[in-house]
Amino acid sequence: MNAKKNFFKKILPVIFGIKGFKISKKEREFFLKSNPLGFILFERNCKNSNQVKSLTKELKKTTSHKHTMIMIDQEGGRVARLKKPNFNSYPNAEFFGIIAENNIRKAKKHVLINSIMIGQELKKIWYQHELRSSSRC
């Protein structure tokens, strides 16, 4: 067995990113061979809702998994892959930390509201898994 075939045989479930707004021919071929568990989207992959929906659909076609994972790190502040003018902006984790210093209940309420708003926006573009750190308040 040659080294290339052996490499793909040993690959374990993994998450990949892509270079741009669309899957390149090389990326598609690689994903079809490696069958990743899922994908993570970055700002360079997200132009608008319709484009992200289309990209998500195409990415899912490159795996044999029934539930291919599509992830994005959308916390707010600098940690936002979906940005204006096509997407809403949200406060950073420090914003909630400052509120928590004076009133933890109020901070938790704001984190919940913020998380729901982000979730609703992500639901509109068929997204599955968000990487969120400030929701641990």
N, C-alpha and C. Protein backbone atom coordinates (compact mmCIF):
# COMPACT_ATOMS: atom_id res chain seq x y z
N MET A 1 0.86 -1.18 0.00
CA MET A 1 0.00 0.00 0.00
C MET A 1 0.90 1.24 0.00
N ASN A 2 0.59 2.20 -0.87
CA ASN A 2 1.45 3.39 -0.90
C ASN A 2 1.16 4.31 0.28
N ALA A 3 2.08 5.23 0.54
CA ALA A 3 2.00 6.10 1.73
C ALA A 3 0.74 6.95 1.74
N LYS A 4 0.32 7.45 0.56
CA LYS A 4 -0.86 8.32 0.48
C LYS A 4 -2.12 7.56 0.90
N LYS A 5 -2.31 6.36 0.39
CA LYS A 5 -3.48 5.56 0.76
C LYS A 5 -3.44 5.21 2.24
N ASN A 6 -2.27 4.88 2.73
CA ASN A 6 -2.10 4.55 4.14
C ASN A 6 -2.45 5.74 5.03
N PHE A 7 -2.06 6.95 4.60
CA PHE A 7 -2.38 8.17 5.35
C PHE A 7 -3.88 8.32 5.51
N PHE A 8 -4.63 8.20 4.42
CA PHE A 8 -6.08 8.39 4.49
C PHE A 8 -6.76 7.26 5.26
N LYS A 9 -6.19 6.09 5.26
CA LYS A 9 -6.76 4.98 6.00
C LYS A 9 -6.64 5.20 7.51
N LYS A 10 -5.58 5.87 7.94
CA LYS A 10 -5.32 6.07 9.36
C LYS A 10 -5.93 7.35 9.92
N ILE A 11 -6.46 8.19 9.07
CA ILE A 11 -6.98 9.48 9.55
C ILE A 11 -8.15 9.25 10.51
N LEU A 12 -8.15 9.95 11.60
CA LEU A 12 -9.23 9.89 12.58
C LEU A 12 -10.18 11.05 12.35
N PRO A 13 -11.37 11.04 12.97
CA PRO A 13 -12.28 12.17 12.81
C PRO A 13 -11.58 13.48 13.16
N VAL A 14 -11.77 14.45 12.32
CA VAL A 14 -11.07 15.72 12.46
C VAL A 14 -11.95 16.84 11.92
N ILE A 15 -11.65 18.06 12.34
CA ILE A 15 -12.36 19.25 11.89
C ILE A 15 -11.42 20.04 10.98
N PHE A 16 -11.92 20.46 9.83
CA PHE A 16 -11.12 21.25 8.89
C PHE A 16 -11.76 22.60 8.63
N GLY A 17 -10.95 23.55 8.19
CA GLY A 17 -11.42 24.83 7.69
C GLY A 17 -11.16 24.89 6.20
N ILE A 18 -11.65 25.93 5.54
CA ILE A 18 -11.39 26.12 4.12
C ILE A 18 -10.84 27.53 3.90
N LYS A 19 -10.31 27.76 2.69
CA LYS A 19 -9.63 29.03 2.40
C LYS A 19 -10.56 30.21 2.17
N GLY A 20 -11.70 30.01 1.54
CA GLY A 20 -12.50 31.15 1.12
C GLY A 20 -14.00 30.97 1.29
N PHE A 21 -14.76 31.69 0.43
CA PHE A 21 -16.22 31.66 0.49
C PHE A 21 -16.81 30.38 -0.11
N LYS A 22 -16.03 29.69 -0.94
CA LYS A 22 -16.48 28.46 -1.60
C LYS A 22 -15.42 27.38 -1.41
N ILE A 23 -15.85 26.13 -1.58
CA ILE A 23 -14.92 25.02 -1.50
C ILE A 23 -14.17 24.93 -2.83
N SER A 24 -12.85 24.88 -2.75
CA SER A 24 -12.06 24.71 -3.97
C SER A 24 -12.14 23.25 -4.43
N LYS A 25 -11.76 23.01 -5.66
CA LYS A 25 -11.76 21.64 -6.19
C LYS A 25 -10.82 20.76 -5.36
N LYS A 26 -9.64 21.28 -5.03
CA LYS A 26 -8.67 20.52 -4.22
C LYS A 26 -9.23 20.20 -2.83
N GLU A 27 -9.88 21.19 -2.21
CA GLU A 27 -10.46 20.97 -0.88
C GLU A 27 -11.54 19.90 -0.96
N ARG A 28 -12.41 20.00 -1.97
CA ARG A 28 -13.50 19.03 -2.12
C ARG A 28 -12.92 17.61 -2.26
N GLU A 29 -11.92 17.45 -3.10
CA GLU A 29 -11.30 16.13 -3.30
C GLU A 29 -10.69 15.62 -1.99
N PHE A 30 -10.01 16.50 -1.27
CA PHE A 30 -9.40 16.10 0.00
C PHE A 30 -10.46 15.67 1.01
N PHE A 31 -11.54 16.45 1.12
CA PHE A 31 -12.59 16.12 2.09
C PHE A 31 -13.28 14.81 1.72
N LEU A 32 -13.52 14.58 0.44
CA LEU A 32 -14.15 13.33 0.01
C LEU A 32 -13.28 12.13 0.38
N LYS A 33 -11.97 12.29 0.30
CA LYS A 33 -11.05 11.20 0.65
C LYS A 33 -10.90 11.03 2.16
N SER A 34 -10.83 12.14 2.88
CA SER A 34 -10.54 12.07 4.31
C SER A 34 -11.77 11.96 5.19
N ASN A 35 -12.95 12.31 4.66
CA ASN A 35 -14.23 12.18 5.39
C ASN A 35 -14.17 12.81 6.78
N PRO A 36 -13.94 14.13 6.88
CA PRO A 36 -13.82 14.77 8.19
C PRO A 36 -15.12 14.71 8.99
N LEU A 37 -14.97 14.82 10.29
CA LEU A 37 -16.12 14.86 11.19
C LEU A 37 -16.93 16.14 10.96
N GLY A 38 -16.22 17.22 10.60
CA GLY A 38 -16.91 18.48 10.38
C GLY A 38 -15.97 19.58 9.96
N PHE A 39 -16.49 20.80 10.04
CA PHE A 39 -15.78 21.97 9.54
C PHE A 39 -15.96 23.14 10.50
N ILE A 40 -14.97 24.02 10.53
CA ILE A 40 -15.08 25.26 11.29
C ILE A 40 -15.00 26.41 10.30
N LEU A 41 -15.90 27.36 10.46
CA LEU A 41 -15.95 28.53 9.59
C LEU A 41 -15.28 29.72 10.27
N PHE A 42 -14.58 30.50 9.47
CA PHE A 42 -13.91 31.71 9.94
C PHE A 42 -14.48 32.90 9.17
N GLU A 43 -14.08 34.10 9.55
CA GLU A 43 -14.55 35.30 8.87
C GLU A 43 -14.31 35.22 7.37
N ARG A 44 -13.19 34.66 6.95
CA ARG A 44 -12.85 34.55 5.52
C ARG A 44 -13.84 33.67 4.75
N ASN A 45 -14.68 32.93 5.47
CA ASN A 45 -15.65 32.03 4.85
C ASN A 45 -17.07 32.57 4.84
N CYS A 46 -17.30 33.72 5.48
CA CYS A 46 -18.67 34.19 5.73
C CYS A 46 -18.93 35.57 5.14
N LYS A 47 -19.60 35.61 3.99
CA LYS A 47 -19.92 36.88 3.35
C LYS A 47 -21.31 37.37 3.77
N ASN A 48 -22.32 36.51 3.62
CA ASN A 48 -23.70 36.84 3.98
C ASN A 48 -24.45 35.54 4.26
N SER A 49 -25.69 35.67 4.72
CA SER A 49 -26.47 34.48 5.12
C SER A 49 -26.62 33.47 4.00
N ASN A 50 -26.99 33.93 2.81
CA ASN A 50 -27.21 33.00 1.70
C ASN A 50 -25.93 32.26 1.32
N GLN A 51 -24.82 32.98 1.31
CA GLN A 51 -23.54 32.36 0.97
C GLN A 51 -23.15 31.32 2.02
N VAL A 52 -23.35 31.64 3.31
CA VAL A 52 -23.00 30.70 4.38
C VAL A 52 -23.90 29.46 4.30
N LYS A 53 -25.18 29.66 4.02
CA LYS A 53 -26.10 28.52 3.85
C LYS A 53 -25.61 27.61 2.72
N SER A 54 -25.27 28.22 1.60
CA SER A 54 -24.80 27.46 0.44
C SER A 54 -23.50 26.71 0.76
N LEU A 55 -22.57 27.39 1.41
CA LEU A 55 -21.29 26.78 1.78
C LEU A 55 -21.52 25.59 2.72
N THR A 56 -22.37 25.78 3.71
CA THR A 56 -22.68 24.73 4.67
C THR A 56 -23.24 23.50 3.95
N LYS A 57 -24.16 23.73 3.03
CA LYS A 57 -24.76 22.64 2.26
C LYS A 57 -23.70 21.89 1.46
N GLU A 58 -22.81 22.62 0.82
CA GLU A 58 -21.74 22.01 0.02
C GLU A 58 -20.76 21.24 0.90
N LEU A 59 -20.41 21.79 2.05
CA LEU A 59 -19.49 21.10 2.96
C LEU A 59 -20.08 19.77 3.41
N LYS A 60 -21.36 19.76 3.73
CA LYS A 60 -22.01 18.54 4.19
C LYS A 60 -22.00 17.44 3.12
N LYS A 61 -22.00 17.83 1.86
CA LYS A 61 -21.98 16.86 0.76
C LYS A 61 -20.63 16.16 0.63
N THR A 62 -19.61 16.68 1.29
CA THR A 62 -18.26 16.10 1.14
C THR A 62 -17.95 15.03 2.18
N THR A 63 -18.90 14.72 3.05
CA THR A 63 -18.67 13.68 4.06
C THR A 63 -19.77 12.63 3.97
N SER A 64 -19.53 11.50 4.58
CA SER A 64 -20.54 10.43 4.61
C SER A 64 -21.31 10.44 5.92
N HIS A 65 -21.02 11.40 6.78
CA HIS A 65 -21.67 11.45 8.09
C HIS A 65 -23.11 11.97 7.98
N LYS A 66 -23.98 11.36 8.73
CA LYS A 66 -25.38 11.80 8.75
C LYS A 66 -25.49 13.22 9.33
N HIS A 67 -24.67 13.51 10.34
CA HIS A 67 -24.71 14.81 11.01
C HIS A 67 -23.32 15.44 10.99
N THR A 68 -22.91 15.93 9.84
CA THR A 68 -21.61 16.60 9.72
C THR A 68 -21.64 17.87 10.56
N MET A 69 -20.63 18.05 11.40
CA MET A 69 -20.57 19.22 12.27
C MET A 69 -20.09 20.45 11.50
N ILE A 70 -20.80 21.56 11.67
CA ILE A 70 -20.38 22.85 11.13
C ILE A 70 -20.28 23.78 12.34
N MET A 71 -19.09 24.34 12.58
CA MET A 71 -18.87 25.15 13.78
C MET A 71 -18.39 26.54 13.43
N ILE A 72 -18.63 27.45 14.37
CA ILE A 72 -18.15 28.82 14.22
C ILE A 72 -17.92 29.40 15.61
N ASP A 73 -16.92 30.22 15.75
CA ASP A 73 -16.61 30.87 17.03
C ASP A 73 -17.22 32.27 16.98
N GLN A 74 -18.37 32.43 17.58
CA GLN A 74 -19.13 33.68 17.50
C GLN A 74 -19.48 34.13 18.91
N GLU A 75 -18.50 34.67 19.63
CA GLU A 75 -18.70 35.07 21.02
C GLU A 75 -19.12 36.52 21.17
N GLY A 76 -18.70 37.35 20.25
CA GLY A 76 -18.92 38.79 20.37
C GLY A 76 -17.61 39.52 20.50
N GLY A 77 -17.65 40.83 20.30
CA GLY A 77 -16.42 41.61 20.34
C GLY A 77 -15.50 41.20 19.20
N ARG A 78 -14.20 41.05 19.50
CA ARG A 78 -13.23 40.63 18.48
C ARG A 78 -13.44 39.18 18.05
N VAL A 79 -14.06 38.38 18.91
CA VAL A 79 -14.28 36.97 18.59
C VAL A 79 -15.63 36.83 17.89
N ALA A 80 -15.63 37.24 16.64
CA ALA A 80 -16.85 37.20 15.83
C ALA A 80 -16.45 36.89 14.39
N ARG A 81 -16.98 35.84 13.85
CA ARG A 81 -16.68 35.47 12.47
C ARG A 81 -17.73 36.03 11.52
N LEU A 82 -18.92 36.24 12.04
CA LEU A 82 -20.00 36.85 11.27
C LEU A 82 -20.03 38.32 11.66
N LYS A 83 -19.77 39.21 10.71
CA LYS A 83 -19.61 40.63 11.05
C LYS A 83 -20.53 41.52 10.23
N LYS A 84 -20.70 42.74 10.73
CA LYS A 84 -21.45 43.76 10.01
C LYS A 84 -20.79 44.00 8.67
N PRO A 85 -21.51 44.39 7.66
CA PRO A 85 -22.89 44.86 7.67
C PRO A 85 -23.93 43.75 7.51
N ASN A 86 -23.52 42.52 7.24
CA ASN A 86 -24.48 41.46 6.95
C ASN A 86 -24.95 40.67 8.17
N PHE A 87 -24.28 40.88 9.29
CA PHE A 87 -24.63 40.17 10.52
C PHE A 87 -24.61 41.16 11.69
N ASN A 88 -25.27 40.81 12.78
CA ASN A 88 -25.29 41.67 13.97
C ASN A 88 -23.97 41.60 14.71
N SER A 89 -23.69 42.63 15.52
CA SER A 89 -22.51 42.59 16.38
C SER A 89 -22.98 42.42 17.82
N TYR A 90 -22.13 41.80 18.63
CA TYR A 90 -22.47 41.49 20.02
C TYR A 90 -21.33 41.92 20.93
N PRO A 91 -21.64 42.20 22.20
CA PRO A 91 -20.59 42.63 23.14
C PRO A 91 -19.59 41.51 23.43
N ASN A 92 -18.38 41.92 23.82
CA ASN A 92 -17.36 40.93 24.17
C ASN A 92 -17.57 40.42 25.59
N ALA A 93 -16.81 39.40 25.97
CA ALA A 93 -16.95 38.78 27.30
C ALA A 93 -16.65 39.77 28.42
N GLU A 94 -15.74 40.71 28.17
CA GLU A 94 -15.39 41.71 29.19
C GLU A 94 -16.61 42.52 29.61
N PHE A 95 -17.48 42.82 28.66
CA PHE A 95 -18.71 43.57 28.94
C PHE A 95 -19.52 42.88 30.04
N PHE A 96 -19.66 41.57 29.92
CA PHE A 96 -20.43 40.81 30.91
C PHE A 96 -19.66 40.69 32.23
N GLY A 97 -18.35 40.61 32.14
CA GLY A 97 -17.52 40.55 33.35
C GLY A 97 -17.64 41.81 34.19
N ILE A 98 -17.68 42.96 33.53
CA ILE A 98 -17.83 44.24 34.24
C ILE A 98 -19.17 44.30 34.95
N ILE A 99 -20.22 43.85 34.28
CA ILE A 99 -21.55 43.81 34.91
C ILE A 99 -21.51 42.85 36.10
N ALA A 100 -20.87 41.70 35.93
CA ALA A 100 -20.83 40.67 36.98
C ALA A 100 -20.11 41.14 38.24
N GLU A 101 -19.15 42.04 38.10
CA GLU A 101 -18.44 42.55 39.27
C GLU A 101 -19.40 43.24 40.24
N ASN A 102 -20.45 43.84 39.72
CA ASN A 102 -21.43 44.55 40.55
C ASN A 102 -22.71 43.75 40.79
N ASN A 103 -23.08 42.91 39.82
CA ASN A 103 -24.37 42.22 39.93
C ASN A 103 -24.33 40.94 39.08
N ILE A 104 -24.01 39.84 39.70
CA ILE A 104 -23.86 38.57 38.97
C ILE A 104 -25.17 38.11 38.32
N ARG A 105 -26.29 38.34 39.00
CA ARG A 105 -27.58 37.93 38.43
C ARG A 105 -27.88 38.70 37.16
N LYS A 106 -27.60 40.00 37.19
CA LYS A 106 -27.81 40.84 36.01
C LYS A 106 -26.90 40.38 34.87
N ALA A 107 -25.66 40.05 35.19
CA ALA A 107 -24.71 39.59 34.17
C ALA A 107 -25.20 38.28 33.54
N LYS A 108 -25.67 37.36 34.37
CA LYS A 108 -26.18 36.09 33.85
C LYS A 108 -27.36 36.31 32.93
N LYS A 109 -28.23 37.25 33.31
CA LYS A 109 -29.39 37.56 32.47
C LYS A 109 -28.94 38.11 31.12
N HIS A 110 -27.96 39.01 31.13
CA HIS A 110 -27.45 39.59 29.89
C HIS A 110 -26.76 38.53 29.02
N VAL A 111 -26.02 37.63 29.65
CA VAL A 111 -25.36 36.54 28.91
C VAL A 111 -26.42 35.66 28.25
N LEU A 112 -27.47 35.34 28.98
CA LEU A 112 -28.55 34.52 28.43
C LEU A 112 -29.20 35.20 27.23
N ILE A 113 -29.56 36.46 27.39
CA ILE A 113 -30.20 37.21 26.29
C ILE A 113 -29.27 37.27 25.08
N ASN A 114 -28.01 37.58 25.32
CA ASN A 114 -27.02 37.66 24.25
C ASN A 114 -26.88 36.30 23.54
N SER A 115 -26.81 35.24 24.31
CA SER A 115 -26.67 33.89 23.74
C SER A 115 -27.88 33.52 22.89
N ILE A 116 -29.05 33.87 23.36
CA ILE A 116 -30.28 33.60 22.60
C ILE A 116 -30.26 34.37 21.28
N MET A 117 -29.85 35.64 21.34
CA MET A 117 -29.79 36.45 20.12
C MET A 117 -28.79 35.88 19.11
N ILE A 118 -27.63 35.47 19.58
CA ILE A 118 -26.63 34.85 18.69
C ILE A 118 -27.20 33.55 18.13
N GLY A 119 -27.81 32.75 18.99
CA GLY A 119 -28.40 31.48 18.55
C GLY A 119 -29.46 31.66 17.49
N GLN A 120 -30.31 32.68 17.65
CA GLN A 120 -31.36 32.94 16.66
C GLN A 120 -30.75 33.33 15.32
N GLU A 121 -29.70 34.14 15.37
CA GLU A 121 -29.05 34.54 14.12
C GLU A 121 -28.39 33.33 13.44
N LEU A 122 -27.74 32.50 14.23
CA LEU A 122 -27.08 31.32 13.67
C LEU A 122 -28.09 30.31 13.12
N LYS A 123 -29.23 30.20 13.78
CA LYS A 123 -30.26 29.27 13.32
C LYS A 123 -30.75 29.64 11.92
N LYS A 124 -30.76 30.93 11.62
CA LYS A 124 -31.20 31.39 10.30
C LYS A 124 -30.28 30.92 9.18
N ILE A 125 -29.04 30.60 9.52
CA ILE A 125 -28.11 30.16 8.47
C ILE A 125 -27.76 28.68 8.60
N TRP A 126 -28.60 27.90 9.26
CA TRP A 126 -28.48 26.45 9.37
C TRP A 126 -27.21 26.01 10.03
N TYR A 127 -26.78 26.65 10.99
CA TYR A 127 -25.52 26.38 11.65
C TYR A 127 -25.78 25.45 12.83
N GLN A 128 -24.82 24.63 13.21
CA GLN A 128 -25.02 23.61 14.24
C GLN A 128 -24.32 23.83 15.58
N HIS A 129 -23.05 24.14 15.58
CA HIS A 129 -22.29 24.19 16.84
C HIS A 129 -21.55 25.50 16.98
N GLU A 130 -21.81 26.20 18.06
CA GLU A 130 -21.09 27.45 18.32
C GLU A 130 -20.05 27.21 19.39
N LEU A 131 -18.90 27.80 19.22
CA LEU A 131 -17.86 27.72 20.24
C LEU A 131 -18.00 28.97 21.10
N ARG A 132 -18.42 28.81 22.34
CA ARG A 132 -18.78 29.97 23.17
C ARG A 132 -18.14 29.83 24.54
N SER A 133 -17.32 30.79 24.92
CA SER A 133 -16.67 30.68 26.23
C SER A 133 -17.39 31.49 27.31
N SER A 134 -17.96 32.63 26.98
CA SER A 134 -18.54 33.48 28.03
C SER A 134 -19.86 32.95 28.56
N SER A 135 -20.41 31.88 27.98
CA SER A 135 -21.67 31.34 28.48
C SER A 135 -21.49 30.56 29.78
N ARG A 136 -20.27 30.51 30.28
CA ARG A 136 -20.01 29.79 31.54
C ARG A 136 -20.21 30.66 32.77
N CYS A 137 -20.73 31.86 32.62
CA CYS A 137 -20.92 32.77 33.77
C CYS A 137 -21.77 32.14 34.84
